[in-house]
Amino acid sequence: LLLCWLRSLTPVTSLSMLLGMRSLAAALQLEIYWVYKV
């Protein structure tokens, strides 16, 4: 039961990780942009 639940949860976890990485990259780009703008 636990394994099945874990398996169904895996895509959600990977998706949230992907979104987190993308938002982190966007924040880094924004920070670099602000630094070089000033």
Protein backbone atom coordinates (compact mmCIF):
# COMPACT_ATOMS: atom_id res chain seq x y z
CA LEU A 1 0.00 0.00 0.00
CA LEU A 2 2.78 2.40 0.96
CA LEU A 3 4.77 1.61 -2.17
CA CYS A 4 1.74 2.21 -4.38
CA TRP A 5 1.05 5.52 -2.62
CA LEU A 6 4.69 6.53 -2.97
CA ARG A 7 4.66 5.67 -6.66
CA SER A 8 1.58 7.83 -7.25
CA LEU A 9 3.22 10.66 -5.32
CA THR A 10 6.48 10.58 -7.28
CA PRO A 11 5.31 12.61 -10.34
CA VAL A 12 3.95 15.33 -8.07
CA THR A 13 7.24 15.52 -6.18
CA SER A 14 9.33 15.69 -9.35
CA LEU A 15 7.01 18.34 -10.77
CA SER A 16 7.25 20.50 -7.66
CA MET A 17 11.04 20.06 -7.68
CA LEU A 18 11.14 21.13 -11.33
CA LEU A 19 9.01 24.18 -10.58
CA GLY A 20 11.21 25.02 -7.60
CA MET A 21 14.35 24.80 -9.72
CA ARG A 22 12.81 27.01 -12.41
CA SER A 23 11.68 29.64 -9.91
CA LEU A 24 15.13 29.55 -8.30
CA ALA A 25 16.78 30.05 -11.69
CA ALA A 26 14.40 32.91 -12.45
CA ALA A 27 15.21 34.55 -9.10
CA LEU A 28 18.94 34.22 -9.82
CA GLN A 29 18.53 35.76 -13.26
CA LEU A 30 16.50 38.61 -11.79
CA GLU A 31 19.14 39.23 -9.11
CA ILE A 32 21.94 39.24 -11.68
CA TYR A 33 19.88 41.60 -13.86
CA TRP A 34 19.38 44.02 -10.96
CA VAL A 35 23.09 43.92 -10.04
CA TYR A 36 24.22 44.70 -13.57
CA LYS A 37 21.48 47.30 -14.04
CA VAL A 38 22.80 49.32 -11.10
